[in-house]
Amino acid sequence: MTINKMFYTLLFLIFFSCGEKEQDTPLTANPAELVYSYNRGTKTVTLSASINAADITVSESGKDWCSVEINGTVLSVTVTENETLLQRKAVVTIRSDSETTTVSVTQNPVNLQLTTKEIPLGGNSYVTSGTSGQVTDAGFYAWNSAETVFSTWFRVNQNGNLKLYLKYNADTDGNVINVSCQGHTFDVTLPKQQTTAFLGHIENVDPGYIRVDFKGVAPLKGAAFATPASLLVSGTATQSMNFVGDFDYYWGRRGPSVHMNYPIPGGTTAEWFYNEVTVPVGFDPVGSYFMANGFGQGYFGMQVNSASERRILFSVWSPANTDDPNQIAPEDQVLLIKKGIGVSTGSFGNEGSGGQSYLIYNWTAGTTYKFLNRVRPITGNYSEYTAYFFAPETDTWKLIAQWKRPKIQTYYTGAYSFVENFNKDMGYLTRKAYYRNQWIYTSSGQWVELPDGRFTVDATGRPGWRKDFKGGTNGNGFFLQNCGFFDDFVNPDTPFQRTAGSQPVVNFDGLPNE
C-alpha cells in the first residue's frame, strides 16, 4: 500500500511539472522584425511552436505584395519586388489558442539611381496630337490641355520587362495623367512637388523602339498637369538601349540624315550628273528634304516646306568658312549667272553659306522627277554650276539657276543623294525616297552609268543616338528612309549595287536658258 501511494505521488509530480512547463512557454517569433530591399525576396522566422496555416494572417496593407508559408515551426515570408518609390509595411499575425505574436515586415523602395536609365524628354519627345503644349530642352512645357498628347521614344535591344517612372515638377496637387505603352494604360495621380512617380510595369517587351504616350485627364487643376523632365526606365529589357542622351537635342529630335553615295569610276571626268527621284505616297511630311544631286560644293533636290508650299532647291557653297552669309568677303561670294522663270535667289547660312535658288513647285508624292546638274571649270579661277529640273506635269526641263563659285577649278565630284528632316518637331514621322537610274555624262561626251552605292548616316545615327535609318536597293535604283522610329536599320557604310537602268535621253542643246 505504501509503495502504491509513493508511485502515484511521483506520477502526479511529473505530470504537474510538465504541465507547468508547457504553460510557461510563450508563443514567440524569432526574428520579430524583417527588413527587405526593393528586390523580391524570402526570409524565415522560427516560431516557438508549430502553427496551422489558418492561424497566420497578413495585414491588409501587405495583401498585394507579402505572402507567408508555414512548415512546422518555420515561417517563410516572401515579398514581391517594390517598384514604387515608397517604403511599404505589413504585419504578420500568428495565433495559437489564446496567444498571439506578430512579425513586422518592412520593404524599402526602389533605388532609382542604381536601377534606372534616365531618358531626357527634351531630346526624345514630340507633341503628336493637339494644338497646345511644346517640347523644350527641359522637357514638356505648357501641358494645359487634355487633348494634347506628348510621345516619347526609346529603343531596347533585347527581350525583357520594363518599369517606367516619370521625373516631374507639379505646382498643383492631384492632377491625373494617362500613360500608354505597348498596349498597356496607366492612370497616375501626381502629387504636388518635384518628385518621381511610378507609372507602370510592362512584361515581354520585344527588341525595337518603345513609344510612351502621355495625356492629361480632365479636369485640369492649376496651370498645367505637370512639367515633366525625364522618363526613367529599368528592367531586364534595358540592358542595351538607344536614345538621345548626351547629344544636342535639336539634332536628336530632327533625326538621322541618310545618304547614298555614287562612286564615279576612276579615269572618267564627270561634267553632268543625272538622277530620278520618287517619293512614295505618305512619306513626304513637312520638313523633308529629298536631295537628289549632291556634289562637292552643293546640292539640288526637292523639299516640303509647309503644308501648302513645296520647293525645288539648288544651293552652292561659298569657299568662305562661315555659317553667316553676311561675313563672306566679296572675293569669296558665289555669283548668280542666270536663273529660270519664277525662281527666287539669294544667300543661305547655318550649314555653311553661299548662293541659294529655289522654285516654288507643288511636286507630288508618287510621281517621278528628273534632276540634271552640270559642273565645269570656267575662266577667272571660277567653276560654273547649273541645275535643271524635269517636270512631268509639263513634260519639260526647267532651268533653276546657274552660279559661279570662286577659287576652284572642278568638274562634278562627290555624287550622292540624301534624305533629311529639317523640322525638329517633325522627327517622329518617316520619310522615304527612291533614287533611280544614276548616270554621268563625261567631259568627252560619253554617258556612264553609276550602278554602285554606299549607304552612310550622319552624326545623329552613326553613334547610335537614333537607329531609325536604312537604305538599300530597289530594282534599278536605291532607296533611303529615315525618322519615324521604325525598328529595322542598315549598318552605315554598307555597299549596294542596283540593276542596270536606261541611258537618259537629254537634248543638251535644247535645255532652256531661262
Foldseek 3Di string as FASTA:
>chain_A
DVVVVVVVVVVVVVVVVVVVVVVVDAWDKPPQEAEAELAKDKDKIFIPFFADPVQKDKDPQCPVFWDWDGDTRIIMIIGHGAAWQAKGKMKIWGDDVPHIGIHIYIYHHDDLVPFKDKAWQLQFKFFPWDDDWGRHSQHTDQAQDQGIKMKGKKWFAAWWKKWKKWFWAAQAFFWWKWKDKPRDIFIDGDGHGGDMGTTDMGTTDGTFMIMMMIGTDDDDDPRHSTGTTIMIMGIPRHPDMAAQDPDPSLDSLQWKKKKKWFDDDPPFAFFKKKKKKAWAPQQADAQKWWWFWDFPFWTWGKHRHDPPWIKTKTWGAWPDPFQDPVPDDPQRAKFFDDAWPQKDKDWGGDPGIYIMIMHTDPDDHPDMKMKMWGWFFDPPQKIKIWIWIQDPVVRAITTGTMIIGHNHGGHTHGTMIMMTGRDSNPQQGKHKMKMAFMWGQTPVGDIDTRFKIFMAMDPCPQVRNDFFWAKAEDARIIMTMIGNRGGDYDHHGDMYGHDHDDGDDDDVVPHDPD
